[in-house]
């Protein structure tokens, strides 16, 4: 297993524990929801094993989070003030928007 895979497994483990705590849920309740043992949940939280894809979806349902949350992916990338101004200017000027699309070969 390479470092990237280990980092993903650790992120999943950390986020299961984090969201269990944030949502005031117990490992035993998650185990019951997944139809597995508390020991399996503990192994997930310690990054000793990784939930299957089906289990990940169910974990997200149980914790009311997205898969991005489970993986620790920030899907709310923040734009700088200049980027926001640029986008607003493009929206206000359709001709410039079309010109830039052509320049960037965006259909």
PDB file of N, CA and C in Angstrom:
ATOM      1  N   UNK A   1       0.844  -1.176   0.000  1.00  0.00           N
ATOM      2  CA  UNK A   1       0.000   0.000   0.000  1.00  0.00           C
ATOM      3  C   UNK A   1       0.892   1.242   0.000  1.00  0.00           C
ATOM      4  N   UNK A   2       0.586   2.183  -0.903  1.00  0.00           N
ATOM      5  CA  UNK A   2       1.413   3.388  -0.987  1.00  0.00           C
ATOM      6  C   UNK A   2       0.932   4.451   0.001  1.00  0.00           C
ATOM      7  N   UNK A   3       1.682   5.533   0.100  1.00  0.00           N
ATOM      8  CA  UNK A   3       1.381   6.588   1.072  1.00  0.00           C
ATOM      9  C   UNK A   3       0.033   7.255   0.820  1.00  0.00           C
ATOM     10  N   UNK A   4      -0.322   7.421  -0.449  1.00  0.00           N
ATOM     11  CA  UNK A   4      -1.602   8.056  -0.777  1.00  0.00           C
ATOM     12  C   UNK A   4      -2.766   7.190  -0.300  1.00  0.00           C
ATOM     13  N   UNK A   5      -2.660   5.893  -0.518  1.00  0.00           N
ATOM     14  CA  UNK A   5      -3.711   4.976  -0.060  1.00  0.00           C
ATOM     15  C   UNK A   5      -3.820   4.988   1.462  1.00  0.00           C
ATOM     16  N   UNK A   6      -2.672   5.014   2.135  1.00  0.00           N
ATOM     17  CA  UNK A   6      -2.673   5.079   3.602  1.00  0.00           C
ATOM     18  C   UNK A   6      -3.327   6.367   4.080  1.00  0.00           C
ATOM     19  N   UNK A   7      -3.041   7.470   3.409  1.00  0.00           N
ATOM     20  CA  UNK A   7      -3.619   8.756   3.792  1.00  0.00           C
ATOM     21  C   UNK A   7      -5.140   8.750   3.627  1.00  0.00           C
ATOM     22  N   UNK A   8      -5.620   8.124   2.556  1.00  0.00           N
ATOM     23  CA  UNK A   8      -7.066   8.025   2.331  1.00  0.00           C
ATOM     24  C   UNK A   8      -7.704   7.189   3.431  1.00  0.00           C
ATOM     25  N   UNK A   9      -7.113   6.047   3.730  1.00  0.00           N
ATOM     26  CA  UNK A   9      -7.646   5.186   4.791  1.00  0.00           C
ATOM     27  C   UNK A   9      -7.669   5.917   6.126  1.00  0.00           C
ATOM     28  N   UNK A  10      -6.613   6.676   6.414  1.00  0.00           N
ATOM     29  CA  UNK A  10      -6.551   7.413   7.671  1.00  0.00           C
ATOM     30  C   UNK A  10      -7.593   8.522   7.703  1.00  0.00           C
ATOM     31  N   UNK A  11      -7.812   9.179   6.572  1.00  0.00           N
ATOM     32  CA  UNK A  11      -8.834  10.233   6.499  1.00  0.00           C
ATOM     33  C   UNK A  11     -10.220   9.650   6.761  1.00  0.00           C
ATOM     34  N   UNK A  12     -10.504   8.504   6.172  1.00  0.00           N
ATOM     35  CA  UNK A  12     -11.797   7.849   6.395  1.00  0.00           C
ATOM     36  C   UNK A  12     -11.946   7.501   7.874  1.00  0.00           C
ATOM     37  N   UNK A  13     -10.921   6.932   8.453  1.00  0.00           N
ATOM     38  CA  UNK A  13     -10.952   6.563   9.873  1.00  0.00           C
ATOM     39  C   UNK A  13     -11.200   7.796  10.743  1.00  0.00           C
ATOM     40  N   UNK A  14     -10.422   8.840  10.498  1.00  0.00           N
ATOM     41  CA  UNK A  14     -10.566  10.067  11.291  1.00  0.00           C
ATOM     42  C   UNK A  14     -11.958  10.660  11.158  1.00  0.00           C
ATOM     43  N   UNK A  15     -12.491  10.629   9.945  1.00  0.00           N
ATOM     44  CA  UNK A  15     -13.796  11.255   9.714  1.00  0.00           C
ATOM     45  C   UNK A  15     -14.944  10.425  10.267  1.00  0.00           C
ATOM     46  N   UNK A  16     -14.832   9.123  10.278  1.00  0.00           N
ATOM     47  CA  UNK A  16     -15.864   8.309  10.929  1.00  0.00           C
ATOM     48  C   UNK A  16     -15.925   8.700  12.406  1.00  0.00           C
ATOM     49  N   UNK A  17     -14.769   8.745  13.058  1.00  0.00           N
ATOM     50  CA  UNK A  17     -14.724   9.106  14.481  1.00  0.00           C
ATOM     51  C   UNK A  17     -15.209  10.531  14.703  1.00  0.00           C
ATOM     52  N   UNK A  18     -14.757  11.438  13.857  1.00  0.00           N
ATOM     53  CA  UNK A  18     -15.132  12.851  13.984  1.00  0.00           C
ATOM     54  C   UNK A  18     -16.644  13.030  13.898  1.00  0.00           C
ATOM     55  N   UNK A  19     -17.261  12.426  12.877  1.00  0.00           N
ATOM     56  CA  UNK A  19     -18.690  12.639  12.683  1.00  0.00           C
ATOM     57  C   UNK A  19     -19.539  11.837  13.669  1.00  0.00           C
ATOM     58  N   UNK A  20     -19.038  10.716  14.146  1.00  0.00           N
ATOM     59  CA  UNK A  20     -19.752  10.028  15.226  1.00  0.00           C
ATOM     60  C   UNK A  20     -19.859  10.957  16.435  1.00  0.00           C
ATOM     61  N   UNK A  21     -18.756  11.607  16.756  1.00  0.00           N
ATOM     62  CA  UNK A  21     -18.745  12.514  17.897  1.00  0.00           C
ATOM     63  C   UNK A  21     -19.602  13.754  17.634  1.00  0.00           C
ATOM     64  N   UNK A  22     -19.428  14.361  16.465  1.00  0.00           N
ATOM     65  CA  UNK A  22     -20.190  15.574  16.143  1.00  0.00           C
ATOM     66  C   UNK A  22     -21.697  15.337  16.128  1.00  0.00           C
ATOM     67  N   UNK A  23     -22.094  14.152  15.686  1.00  0.00           N
ATOM     68  CA  UNK A  23     -23.520  13.832  15.562  1.00  0.00           C
ATOM     69  C   UNK A  23     -24.063  13.122  16.814  1.00  0.00           C
ATOM     70  N   UNK A  24     -23.206  13.012  17.842  1.00  0.00           N
ATOM     71  CA  UNK A  24     -23.589  12.338  19.095  1.00  0.00           C
ATOM     72  C   UNK A  24     -24.127  10.929  18.854  1.00  0.00           C
ATOM     73  N   UNK A  25     -23.409  10.199  18.017  1.00  0.00           N
ATOM     74  CA  UNK A  25     -23.787   8.817  17.702  1.00  0.00           C
ATOM     75  C   UNK A  25     -22.765   7.876  18.325  1.00  0.00           C
ATOM     76  N   UNK A  26     -23.193   6.684  18.581  1.00  0.00           N
ATOM     77  CA  UNK A  26     -22.319   5.686  19.191  1.00  0.00           C
ATOM     78  C   UNK A  26     -21.864   4.652  18.163  1.00  0.00           C
ATOM     79  N   UNK A  27     -20.675   4.110  18.397  1.00  0.00           N
ATOM     80  CA  UNK A  27     -20.160   3.053  17.518  1.00  0.00           C
ATOM     81  C   UNK A  27     -21.105   1.863  17.482  1.00  0.00           C
ATOM     82  N   UNK A  28     -21.706   1.560  18.619  1.00  0.00           N
ATOM     83  CA  UNK A  28     -22.630   0.420  18.694  1.00  0.00           C
ATOM     84  C   UNK A  28     -23.834   0.637  17.778  1.00  0.00           C
ATOM     85  N   UNK A  29     -24.332   1.869  17.721  1.00  0.00           N
ATOM     86  CA  UNK A  29     -25.476   2.167  16.849  1.00  0.00           C
ATOM     87  C   UNK A  29     -25.090   2.064  15.379  1.00  0.00           C
ATOM     88  N   UNK A  30     -23.886   2.529  15.056  1.00  0.00           N
ATOM     89  CA  UNK A  30     -23.401   2.398  13.681  1.00  0.00           C
ATOM     90  C   UNK A  30     -23.230   0.922  13.324  1.00  0.00           C
ATOM     91  N   UNK A  31     -22.697   0.143  14.241  1.00  0.00           N
ATOM     92  CA  UNK A  31     -22.520  -1.295  14.009  1.00  0.00           C
ATOM     93  C   UNK A  31     -23.863  -1.961  13.725  1.00  0.00           C
ATOM     94  N   UNK A  32     -24.861  -1.602  14.507  1.00  0.00           N
ATOM     95  CA  UNK A  32     -26.197  -2.157  14.312  1.00  0.00           C
ATOM     96  C   UNK A  32     -26.756  -1.743  12.948  1.00  0.00           C
ATOM     97  N   UNK A  33     -26.562  -0.479  12.574  1.00  0.00           N
ATOM     98  CA  UNK A  33     -27.043   0.032  11.284  1.00  0.00           C
ATOM     99  C   UNK A  33     -26.373  -0.694  10.125  1.00  0.00           C
ATOM    100  N   UNK A  34     -25.070  -1.002  10.280  1.00  0.00           N
ATOM    101  CA  UNK A  34     -24.328  -1.685   9.217  1.00  0.00           C
ATOM    102  C   UNK A  34     -24.453  -3.202   9.288  1.00  0.00           C
ATOM    103  N   UNK A  35     -25.122  -3.677  10.327  1.00  0.00           N
ATOM    104  CA  UNK A  35     -25.243  -5.122  10.555  1.00  0.00           C
ATOM    105  C   UNK A  35     -23.852  -5.761  10.659  1.00  0.00           C
ATOM    106  N   UNK A  36     -23.027  -5.143  11.519  1.00  0.00           N
ATOM    107  CA  UNK A  36     -21.676  -5.639  11.746  1.00  0.00           C
ATOM    108  C   UNK A  36     -21.384  -5.548  13.244  1.00  0.00           C
ATOM    109  N   UNK A  37     -20.154  -5.800  13.609  1.00  0.00           N
ATOM    110  CA  UNK A  37     -19.783  -5.790  15.020  1.00  0.00           C
ATOM    111  C   UNK A  37     -19.182  -4.447  15.432  1.00  0.00           C
ATOM    112  N   UNK A  38     -19.207  -4.188  16.719  1.00  0.00           N
ATOM    113  CA  UNK A  38     -18.555  -2.988  17.258  1.00  0.00           C
ATOM    114  C   UNK A  38     -17.056  -3.065  16.979  1.00  0.00           C
ATOM    115  N   UNK A  39     -16.500  -4.268  17.009  1.00  0.00           N
ATOM    116  CA  UNK A  39     -15.078  -4.441  16.723  1.00  0.00           C
ATOM    117  C   UNK A  39     -14.737  -3.983  15.307  1.00  0.00           C
ATOM    118  N   UNK A  40     -15.626  -4.260  14.356  1.00  0.00           N
ATOM    119  CA  UNK A  40     -15.400  -3.808  12.974  1.00  0.00           C
ATOM    120  C   UNK A  40     -15.381  -2.286  12.907  1.00  0.00           C
ATOM    121  N   UNK A  41     -16.297  -1.656  13.617  1.00  0.00           N
ATOM    122  CA  UNK A  41     -16.338  -0.190  13.641  1.00  0.00           C
ATOM    123  C   UNK A  41     -15.063   0.355  14.286  1.00  0.00           C
ATOM    124  N   UNK A  42     -14.618  -0.288  15.344  1.00  0.00           N
ATOM    125  CA  UNK A  42     -13.367   0.130  15.991  1.00  0.00           C
ATOM    126  C   UNK A  42     -12.190  -0.002  15.042  1.00  0.00           C
ATOM    127  N   UNK A  43     -12.155  -1.076  14.254  1.00  0.00           N
ATOM    128  CA  UNK A  43     -11.078  -1.248  13.268  1.00  0.00           C
ATOM    129  C   UNK A  43     -11.143  -0.157  12.196  1.00  0.00           C
ATOM    130  N   UNK A  44     -12.371   0.237  11.792  1.00  0.00           N
ATOM    131  CA  UNK A  44     -12.505   1.349  10.850  1.00  0.00           C
ATOM    132  C   UNK A  44     -11.916   2.623  11.454  1.00  0.00           C
ATOM    133  N   UNK A  45     -12.261   2.878  12.727  1.00  0.00           N
ATOM    134  CA  UNK A  45     -11.814   4.114  13.395  1.00  0.00           C
ATOM    135  C   UNK A  45     -10.312   4.138  13.648  1.00  0.00           C
ATOM    136  N   UNK A  46      -9.706   2.981  13.718  1.00  0.00           N
ATOM    137  CA  UNK A  46      -8.257   2.891  13.936  1.00  0.00           C
ATOM    138  C   UNK A  46      -7.491   2.730  12.624  1.00  0.00           C
ATOM    139  N   UNK A  47      -8.192   2.763  11.513  1.00  0.00           N
ATOM    140  CA  UNK A  47      -7.605   2.571  10.181  1.00  0.00           C
ATOM    141  C   UNK A  47      -6.925   1.216  10.050  1.00  0.00           C
ATOM    142  N   UNK A  48      -7.438   0.235  10.788  1.00  0.00           N
ATOM    143  CA  UNK A  48      -6.924  -1.125  10.672  1.00  0.00           C
ATOM    144  C   UNK A  48      -7.634  -1.891   9.569  1.00  0.00           C
ATOM    145  N   UNK A  49      -8.814  -1.412   9.202  1.00  0.00           N
ATOM    146  CA  UNK A  49      -9.529  -1.932   8.040  1.00  0.00           C
ATOM    147  C   UNK A  49     -10.356  -0.796   7.465  1.00  0.00           C
ATOM    148  N   UNK A  50     -10.771  -0.967   6.224  1.00  0.00           N
ATOM    149  CA  UNK A  50     -11.519   0.080   5.529  1.00  0.00           C
ATOM    150  C   UNK A  50     -12.900  -0.452   5.175  1.00  0.00           C
ATOM    151  N   UNK A  51     -13.935   0.354   5.392  1.00  0.00           N
ATOM    152  CA  UNK A  51     -15.278  -0.101   5.019  1.00  0.00           C
ATOM    153  C   UNK A  51     -15.387  -0.327   3.514  1.00  0.00           C
ATOM    154  N   UNK A  52     -16.254  -1.245   3.143  1.00  0.00           N
ATOM    155  CA  UNK A  52     -16.528  -1.462   1.716  1.00  0.00           C
ATOM    156  C   UNK A  52     -17.265  -0.246   1.168  1.00  0.00           C
ATOM    157  N   UNK A  53     -17.384  -0.186  -0.141  1.00  0.00           N
ATOM    158  CA  UNK A  53     -18.097   0.927  -0.771  1.00  0.00           C
ATOM    159  C   UNK A  53     -19.543   0.994  -0.274  1.00  0.00           C
ATOM    160  N   UNK A  54     -20.183  -0.151  -0.172  1.00  0.00           N
ATOM    161  CA  UNK A  54     -21.561  -0.199   0.324  1.00  0.00           C
ATOM    162  C   UNK A  54     -21.631   0.287   1.762  1.00  0.00           C
ATOM    163  N   UNK A  55     -20.674  -0.145   2.576  1.00  0.00           N
ATOM    164  CA  UNK A  55     -20.646   0.309   3.965  1.00  0.00           C
ATOM    165  C   UNK A  55     -20.399   1.811   4.055  1.00  0.00           C
ATOM    166  N   UNK A  56     -19.543   2.333   3.170  1.00  0.00           N
ATOM    167  CA  UNK A  56     -19.281   3.775   3.184  1.00  0.00           C
ATOM    168  C   UNK A  56     -20.558   4.563   2.913  1.00  0.00           C
ATOM    169  N   UNK A  57     -21.337   4.113   1.937  1.00  0.00           N
ATOM    170  CA  UNK A  57     -22.600   4.789   1.622  1.00  0.00           C
ATOM    171  C   UNK A  57     -23.520   4.732   2.834  1.00  0.00           C
ATOM    172  N   UNK A  58     -23.595   3.585   3.477  1.00  0.00           N
ATOM    173  CA  UNK A  58     -24.461   3.445   4.654  1.00  0.00           C
ATOM    174  C   UNK A  58     -23.956   4.290   5.826  1.00  0.00           C
ATOM    175  N   UNK A  59     -22.639   4.371   5.985  1.00  0.00           N
ATOM    176  CA  UNK A  59     -22.065   5.219   7.042  1.00  0.00           C
ATOM    177  C   UNK A  59     -22.479   6.665   6.806  1.00  0.00           C
ATOM    178  N   UNK A  60     -22.396   7.099   5.552  1.00  0.00           N
ATOM    179  CA  UNK A  60     -22.797   8.463   5.216  1.00  0.00           C
ATOM    180  C   UNK A  60     -24.282   8.697   5.497  1.00  0.00           C
ATOM    181  N   UNK A  61     -25.105   7.717   5.164  1.00  0.00           N
ATOM    182  CA  UNK A  61     -26.539   7.831   5.462  1.00  0.00           C
ATOM    183  C   UNK A  61     -26.759   7.944   6.964  1.00  0.00           C
ATOM    184  N   UNK A  62     -26.112   7.075   7.726  1.00  0.00           N
ATOM    185  CA  UNK A  62     -26.270   7.047   9.182  1.00  0.00           C
ATOM    186  C   UNK A  62     -25.839   8.364   9.818  1.00  0.00           C
ATOM    187  N   UNK A  63     -24.732   8.920   9.320  1.00  0.00           N
ATOM    188  CA  UNK A  63     -24.184  10.148   9.900  1.00  0.00           C
ATOM    189  C   UNK A  63     -24.722  11.411   9.223  1.00  0.00           C
ATOM    190  N   UNK A  64     -25.520  11.232   8.169  1.00  0.00           N
ATOM    191  CA  UNK A  64     -26.069  12.338   7.398  1.00  0.00           C
ATOM    192  C   UNK A  64     -24.958  13.258   6.895  1.00  0.00           C
ATOM    193  N   UNK A  65     -23.993  12.628   6.211  1.00  0.00           N
ATOM    194  CA  UNK A  65     -22.867  13.346   5.613  1.00  0.00           C
ATOM    195  C   UNK A  65     -22.707  12.867   4.175  1.00  0.00           C
ATOM    196  N   UNK A  66     -21.892  13.567   3.413  1.00  0.00           N
ATOM    197  CA  UNK A  66     -21.617  13.161   2.035  1.00  0.00           C
ATOM    198  C   UNK A  66     -20.380  12.268   1.996  1.00  0.00           C
ATOM    199  N   UNK A  67     -20.187  11.606   0.864  1.00  0.00           N
ATOM    200  CA  UNK A  67     -18.950  10.841   0.681  1.00  0.00           C
ATOM    201  C   UNK A  67     -17.738  11.764   0.715  1.00  0.00           C
ATOM    202  N   UNK A  68     -17.888  12.991   0.211  1.00  0.00           N
ATOM    203  CA  UNK A  68     -16.797  13.960   0.297  1.00  0.00           C
ATOM    204  C   UNK A  68     -16.425  14.221   1.749  1.00  0.00           C
ATOM    205  N   UNK A  69     -17.435  14.338   2.620  1.00  0.00           N
ATOM    206  CA  UNK A  69     -17.162  14.524   4.045  1.00  0.00           C
ATOM    207  C   UNK A  69     -16.404  13.322   4.608  1.00  0.00           C
ATOM    208  N   UNK A  70     -16.846  12.135   4.241  1.00  0.00           N
ATOM    209  CA  UNK A  70     -16.204  10.921   4.736  1.00  0.00           C
ATOM    210  C   UNK A  70     -14.745  10.850   4.298  1.00  0.00           C
ATOM    211  N   UNK A  71     -14.482  11.237   3.049  1.00  0.00           N
ATOM    212  CA  UNK A  71     -13.118  11.199   2.525  1.00  0.00           C
ATOM    213  C   UNK A  71     -12.306  12.438   2.909  1.00  0.00           C
ATOM    214  N   UNK A  72     -12.974  13.419   3.479  1.00  0.00           N
ATOM    215  CA  UNK A  72     -12.276  14.643   3.867  1.00  0.00           C
ATOM    216  C   UNK A  72     -11.964  15.554   2.697  1.00  0.00           C
ATOM    217  N   UNK A  73     -12.817  15.498   1.673  1.00  0.00           N
ATOM    218  CA  UNK A  73     -12.620  16.315   0.484  1.00  0.00           C
ATOM    219  C   UNK A  73     -13.372  17.622   0.669  1.00  0.00           C
ATOM    220  N   UNK A  74     -12.672  18.731   0.537  1.00  0.00           N
ATOM    221  CA  UNK A  74     -13.282  20.049   0.669  1.00  0.00           C
ATOM    222  C   UNK A  74     -13.904  20.428  -0.670  1.00  0.00           C
ATOM    223  N   UNK A  75     -15.230  20.363  -0.737  1.00  0.00           N
ATOM    224  CA  UNK A  75     -15.896  20.693  -1.995  1.00  0.00           C
ATOM    225  C   UNK A  75     -16.385  22.142  -2.017  1.00  0.00           C
ATOM    226  N   UNK A  76     -15.965  22.912  -1.026  1.00  0.00           N
ATOM    227  CA  UNK A  76     -16.323  24.328  -0.973  1.00  0.00           C
ATOM    228  C   UNK A  76     -15.069  25.175  -1.160  1.00  0.00           C
ATOM    229  N   UNK A  77     -14.486  25.058  -2.317  1.00  0.00           N
ATOM    230  CA  UNK A  77     -13.285  25.822  -2.605  1.00  0.00           C
ATOM    231  C   UNK A  77     -13.630  27.301  -2.612  1.00  0.00           C
ATOM    232  N   UNK A  78     -12.866  28.059  -1.909  1.00  0.00           N
ATOM    233  CA  UNK A  78     -13.123  29.483  -1.769  1.00  0.00           C
ATOM    234  C   UNK A  78     -12.434  30.254  -2.882  1.00  0.00           C
ATOM    235  N   UNK A  79     -13.173  31.162  -3.476  1.00  0.00           N
ATOM    236  CA  UNK A  79     -12.618  32.022  -4.511  1.00  0.00           C
ATOM    237  C   UNK A  79     -12.053  33.279  -3.860  1.00  0.00           C
ATOM    238  N   UNK A  80     -10.985  33.793  -4.439  1.00  0.00           N
ATOM    239  CA  UNK A  80     -10.437  35.065  -3.963  1.00  0.00           C
ATOM    240  C   UNK A  80     -11.374  36.193  -4.384  1.00  0.00           C
ATOM    241  N   UNK A  81     -11.197  37.362  -3.794  1.00  0.00           N
ATOM    242  CA  UNK A  81     -12.011  38.522  -4.162  1.00  0.00           C
ATOM    243  C   UNK A  81     -11.846  38.862  -5.640  1.00  0.00           C
ATOM    244  N   UNK A  82     -10.610  38.767  -6.133  1.00  0.00           N
ATOM    245  CA  UNK A  82     -10.363  39.055  -7.550  1.00  0.00           C
ATOM    246  C   UNK A  82     -11.070  38.053  -8.453  1.00  0.00           C
ATOM    247  N   UNK A  83     -11.085  36.788  -8.064  1.00  0.00           N
ATOM    248  CA  UNK A  83     -11.777  35.771  -8.867  1.00  0.00           C
ATOM    249  C   UNK A  83     -13.276  36.045  -8.907  1.00  0.00           C
ATOM    250  N   UNK A  84     -13.842  36.420  -7.785  1.00  0.00           N
ATOM    251  CA  UNK A  84     -15.271  36.741  -7.729  1.00  0.00           C
ATOM    252  C   UNK A  84     -15.569  37.940  -8.630  1.00  0.00           C
ATOM    253  N   UNK A  85     -14.745  38.983  -8.536  1.00  0.00           N
ATOM    254  CA  UNK A  85     -14.941  40.173  -9.385  1.00  0.00           C
ATOM    255  C   UNK A  85     -14.846  39.808 -10.866  1.00  0.00           C
ATOM    256  N   UNK A  86     -13.895  38.952 -11.198  1.00  0.00           N
ATOM    257  CA  UNK A  86     -13.716  38.525 -12.586  1.00  0.00           C
ATOM    258  C   UNK A  86     -14.961  37.794 -13.092  1.00  0.00           C
ATOM    259  N   UNK A  87     -15.467  36.889 -12.287  1.00  0.00           N
ATOM    260  CA  UNK A  87     -16.661  36.130 -12.674  1.00  0.00           C
ATOM    261  C   UNK A  87     -17.855  37.061 -12.824  1.00  0.00           C
ATOM    262  N   UNK A  88     -18.012  37.972 -11.882  1.00  0.00           N
ATOM    263  CA  UNK A  88     -19.121  38.921 -11.968  1.00  0.00           C
ATOM    264  C   UNK A  88     -19.015  39.783 -13.224  1.00  0.00           C
ATOM    265  N   UNK A  89     -17.789  40.215 -13.552  1.00  0.00           N
ATOM    266  CA  UNK A  89     -17.590  41.023 -14.762  1.00  0.00           C
ATOM    267  C   UNK A  89     -17.952  40.230 -16.008  1.00  0.00           C
ATOM    268  N   UNK A  90     -17.585  38.953 -16.030  1.00  0.00           N
ATOM    269  CA  UNK A  90     -17.932  38.113 -17.182  1.00  0.00           C
ATOM    270  C   UNK A  90     -19.438  37.945 -17.301  1.00  0.00           C
ATOM    271  N   UNK A  91     -20.099  37.784 -16.189  1.00  0.00           N
ATOM    272  CA  UNK A  91     -21.555  37.629 -16.222  1.00  0.00           C
ATOM    273  C   UNK A  91     -22.232  38.897 -16.735  1.00  0.00           C
ATOM    274  N   UNK A  92     -21.645  40.036 -16.409  1.00  0.00           N
ATOM    275  CA  UNK A  92     -22.226  41.317 -16.828  1.00  0.00           C
ATOM    276  C   UNK A  92     -21.902  41.648 -18.281  1.00  0.00           C
ATOM    277  N   UNK A  93     -20.962  40.931 -18.868  1.00  0.00           N
ATOM    278  CA  UNK A  93     -20.542  41.237 -20.236  1.00  0.00           C
ATOM    279  C   UNK A  93     -20.489  39.942 -21.052  1.00  0.00           C
ATOM    280  N   UNK A  94     -21.617  39.542 -21.619  1.00  0.00           N
ATOM    281  CA  UNK A  94     -21.682  38.272 -22.358  1.00  0.00           C
ATOM    282  C   UNK A  94     -20.687  38.177 -23.519  1.00  0.00           C
ATOM    283  N   UNK A  95     -20.374  39.300 -24.153  1.00  0.00           N
ATOM    284  CA  UNK A  95     -19.431  39.256 -25.278  1.00  0.00           C
ATOM    285  C   UNK A  95     -18.043  38.843 -24.801  1.00  0.00           C
ATOM    286  N   UNK A  96     -17.607  39.389 -23.674  1.00  0.00           N
ATOM    287  CA  UNK A  96     -16.310  39.005 -23.114  1.00  0.00           C
ATOM    288  C   UNK A  96     -16.314  37.548 -22.688  1.00  0.00           C
ATOM    289  N   UNK A  97     -17.439  37.129 -22.127  1.00  0.00           N
ATOM    290  CA  UNK A  97     -17.561  35.744 -21.697  1.00  0.00           C
ATOM    291  C   UNK A  97     -17.392  34.803 -22.886  1.00  0.00           C
ATOM    292  N   UNK A  98     -18.056  35.094 -23.970  1.00  0.00           N
ATOM    293  CA  UNK A  98     -17.956  34.255 -25.169  1.00  0.00           C
ATOM    294  C   UNK A  98     -16.539  34.286 -25.735  1.00  0.00           C
ATOM    295  N   UNK A  99     -15.910  35.451 -25.724  1.00  0.00           N
ATOM    296  CA  UNK A  99     -14.538  35.584 -26.219  1.00  0.00           C
ATOM    297  C   UNK A  99     -13.587  34.706 -25.401  1.00  0.00           C
ATOM    298  N   UNK A 100     -13.698  34.764 -24.095  1.00  0.00           N
ATOM    299  CA  UNK A 100     -12.807  33.972 -23.222  1.00  0.00           C
ATOM    300  C   UNK A 100     -13.089  32.477 -23.402  1.00  0.00           C
ATOM    301  N   UNK A 101     -14.348  32.113 -23.541  1.00  0.00           N
ATOM    302  CA  UNK A 101     -14.667  30.706 -23.808  1.00  0.00           C
ATOM    303  C   UNK A 101     -13.975  30.210 -25.072  1.00  0.00           C
ATOM    304  N   UNK A 102     -14.005  31.042 -26.117  1.00  0.00           N
ATOM    305  CA  UNK A 102     -13.341  30.662 -27.365  1.00  0.00           C
ATOM    306  C   UNK A 102     -11.831  30.549 -27.166  1.00  0.00           C
ATOM    307  N   UNK A 103     -11.269  31.505 -26.435  1.00  0.00           N
ATOM    308  CA  UNK A 103      -9.817  31.477 -26.170  1.00  0.00           C
ATOM    309  C   UNK A 103      -9.396  30.207 -25.436  1.00  0.00           C
ATOM    310  N   UNK A 104     -10.237  29.780 -24.501  1.00  0.00           N
ATOM    311  CA  UNK A 104      -9.923  28.603 -23.694  1.00  0.00           C
ATOM    312  C   UNK A 104     -10.444  27.311 -24.302  1.00  0.00           C
ATOM    313  N   UNK A 105     -11.064  27.441 -25.448  1.00  0.00           N
ATOM    314  CA  UNK A 105     -11.627  26.284 -26.153  1.00  0.00           C
ATOM    315  C   UNK A 105     -12.657  25.553 -25.286  1.00  0.00           C
ATOM    316  N   UNK A 106     -13.530  26.346 -24.658  1.00  0.00           N
ATOM    317  CA  UNK A 106     -14.612  25.810 -23.836  1.00  0.00           C
ATOM    318  C   UNK A 106     -15.899  25.859 -24.645  1.00  0.00           C
ATOM    319  N   UNK A 107     -16.583  24.772 -24.730  1.00  0.00           N
ATOM    320  CA  UNK A 107     -17.803  24.717 -25.527  1.00  0.00           C
ATOM    321  C   UNK A 107     -19.013  25.036 -24.700  1.00  0.00           C
TER     322      UNK A 107
END
